[in-house]
Amino acid sequence: MSTPAEDAPEAVEEAGLTPAEAFALLGNETRIDILQALHEATVERGQEPVPFSDLYERIDLDDSAHFNYHLKQLLEHFVRKTDGGYTFRTAGWKVVRSVFAGTFTGRAEVGPFDAPGECYACGGDLAASYRNEMLTIACGDCGRTLVDYTFPPGGLDDRTPEEFLDAFHHHVRHHYCLAADGVCPECMGRMTTTLDSGTNVPGRDLEVHHVCDRCDNRLDSAVGLNLLDTAPVLNFFSERGHDLTTEPFWTFDWCVSDARTTVLQEDPLQIRLDLPAGDEVLSVTVDGTLSLLDVSEA
């Protein structure tokens, strides 16, 4: 390797970046190598900034000017220069985490294997399978799909099937809890929530749509799935021995179907969900934006 250039790239003024420009900036192997090297060095240094010389030594390049050029291309939007060296901007962290999650590189297929719970439609046993970065949980008897949602391939590494399903539960629950609060789980933009009564999804006449105003990310589900983080629902089930934060959401029929859902009125829309726990029932009424209108126990 040649001696690193003394005039390491200076930080430049931040500016907007279109999606096409972002893809173009990352469409270079050396730049991805720099981001991965910065990640490794950052971890080794306990999250401290990485000096230019340290970062350069980790890249298999003999031309420091070439390295300097590609590092400079990353500075505006993916890497930040400080007095102590280089650190990640949020976008840079997300790129590296996507690589480690297998989003760009993983091509895993798993299953089918047994999943906890039973089919809300026929009572049959459930099976899970993973393909094309989607985890599907369906009935082995009638074939009805209860869950079909994205999951990064890296989430399969070093996990048993049971651990994999547990991680998937938390992944989905976290995404929908954020969406129900109006926050996009992908870009943190604002999400708009609507209810659709004309769906073609088996087991669901009503469907919730969360759409991000910023990145167009979309999450669709039964109404009940969006109540998993609602205090009255959490408390009701907790007092009766159920922890909704850890028990697989698909084992509750009201999370994956309209089995416990009643339309009280169409305009304005009001919906009641009757959520059973043993011999007791929690009735939750929401409007067309999922705002809580009433809660009662019976």
Foldseek 3Di string as FASTA:
>chain_A
DDDADPCADDADDADDDDPVRVCVLPPDPLLVQLLLLQVVVCVVVVNDADAPVSSVVSGPDPDNVVNSVSVNSCRRPFWDADPRHIHGDPVSVVVNVCVLLCVPNDFDKDDQDFDDAADPVPRATWTWIDGPQWIWIAGPPPGATQDIGGGRPNLVPPDDPVSSLQVVQLVVLVQLQCLLVQAHPPPRAGWAKFKAQPDPRPQASIKIWIAGPPPRDIDIAQLVSNCLPPVVVQVVVVVLPDHSNGPRPSNFVNGRHCPQKDFPDVVQTKMWGWGDDPPKTWIWIATRSRHTDDIDID
